[in-house]
């Protein structure tokens, strides 16, 4: 569980999205932060770094 919370916080920090959006994106990609981030960028929900 701690890893999941840390992954959500990391995705929020990288992308600038809210808690629910970060959680849903991670669930879609089985906890893969990089894939979830790329998805959020493609959808226009995240800032690209």
C-alpha atoms as a PDB file:
ATOM      1  CA  UNK A   1       0.000   0.000   0.000  1.00  0.00           C
ATOM      2  CA  UNK A   2       2.810   2.425   0.808  1.00  0.00           C
ATOM      3  CA  UNK A   3       4.275   1.955  -2.647  1.00  0.00           C
ATOM      4  CA  UNK A   4       0.932   2.783  -4.232  1.00  0.00           C
ATOM      5  CA  UNK A   5       0.592   5.981  -2.198  1.00  0.00           C
ATOM      6  CA  UNK A   6       4.138   6.998  -3.119  1.00  0.00           C
ATOM      7  CA  UNK A   7       3.415   6.285  -6.791  1.00  0.00           C
ATOM      8  CA  UNK A   8       0.310   8.490  -6.679  1.00  0.00           C
ATOM      9  CA  UNK A   9       2.261  11.317  -5.035  1.00  0.00           C
ATOM     10  CA  UNK A  10       5.078  10.953  -7.577  1.00  0.00           C
ATOM     11  CA  UNK A  11       2.634  11.092 -10.496  1.00  0.00           C
ATOM     12  CA  UNK A  12       0.925  14.130  -8.991  1.00  0.00           C
ATOM     13  CA  UNK A  13       4.274  15.891  -8.549  1.00  0.00           C
ATOM     14  CA  UNK A  14       5.395  15.122 -12.111  1.00  0.00           C
ATOM     15  CA  UNK A  15       2.127  15.878 -13.852  1.00  0.00           C
ATOM     16  CA  UNK A  16       0.383  18.489 -11.738  1.00  0.00           C
ATOM     17  CA  UNK A  17      -2.921  16.562 -11.786  1.00  0.00           C
ATOM     18  CA  UNK A  18      -5.152  15.930  -8.815  1.00  0.00           C
ATOM     19  CA  UNK A  19      -5.334  12.883  -6.592  1.00  0.00           C
ATOM     20  CA  UNK A  20      -8.242  11.171  -8.342  1.00  0.00           C
ATOM     21  CA  UNK A  21      -6.815  11.661 -11.844  1.00  0.00           C
ATOM     22  CA  UNK A  22      -3.443  10.317 -10.755  1.00  0.00           C
ATOM     23  CA  UNK A  23      -5.011   7.305  -9.056  1.00  0.00           C
ATOM     24  CA  UNK A  24      -7.199   6.446 -12.059  1.00  0.00           C
ATOM     25  CA  UNK A  25      -4.292   6.758 -14.496  1.00  0.00           C
ATOM     26  CA  UNK A  26      -2.143   4.469 -12.350  1.00  0.00           C
ATOM     27  CA  UNK A  27      -4.945   1.931 -12.123  1.00  0.00           C
ATOM     28  CA  UNK A  28      -5.256   1.930 -15.917  1.00  0.00           C
ATOM     29  CA  UNK A  29      -1.563   1.099 -16.276  1.00  0.00           C
ATOM     30  CA  UNK A  30      -1.213  -1.307 -13.340  1.00  0.00           C
ATOM     31  CA  UNK A  31       0.859   1.098 -11.267  1.00  0.00           C
ATOM     32  CA  UNK A  32       3.363   2.050 -13.982  1.00  0.00           C
ATOM     33  CA  UNK A  33       4.108   5.722 -13.270  1.00  0.00           C
ATOM     34  CA  UNK A  34       5.849   6.407 -16.594  1.00  0.00           C
ATOM     35  CA  UNK A  35       3.011   5.018 -18.705  1.00  0.00           C
ATOM     36  CA  UNK A  36       0.408   6.818 -16.603  1.00  0.00           C
ATOM     37  CA  UNK A  37       2.319  10.087 -16.988  1.00  0.00           C
ATOM     38  CA  UNK A  38       2.577   9.648 -20.765  1.00  0.00           C
ATOM     39  CA  UNK A  39      -1.161   8.958 -20.915  1.00  0.00           C
ATOM     40  CA  UNK A  40      -1.953  12.125 -18.963  1.00  0.00           C
ATOM     41  CA  UNK A  41       0.286  14.184 -21.250  1.00  0.00           C
ATOM     42  CA  UNK A  42      -1.386  12.742 -24.371  1.00  0.00           C
ATOM     43  CA  UNK A  43      -4.804  13.585 -22.924  1.00  0.00           C
ATOM     44  CA  UNK A  44      -3.649  17.151 -22.265  1.00  0.00           C
ATOM     45  CA  UNK A  45      -4.195  16.819 -18.524  1.00  0.00           C
ATOM     46  CA  UNK A  46      -0.534  16.957 -17.495  1.00  0.00           C
ATOM     47  CA  UNK A  47       2.238  19.420 -18.070  1.00  0.00           C
ATOM     48  CA  UNK A  48       5.041  18.026 -20.203  1.00  0.00           C
ATOM     49  CA  UNK A  49       8.569  18.188 -18.821  1.00  0.00           C
END
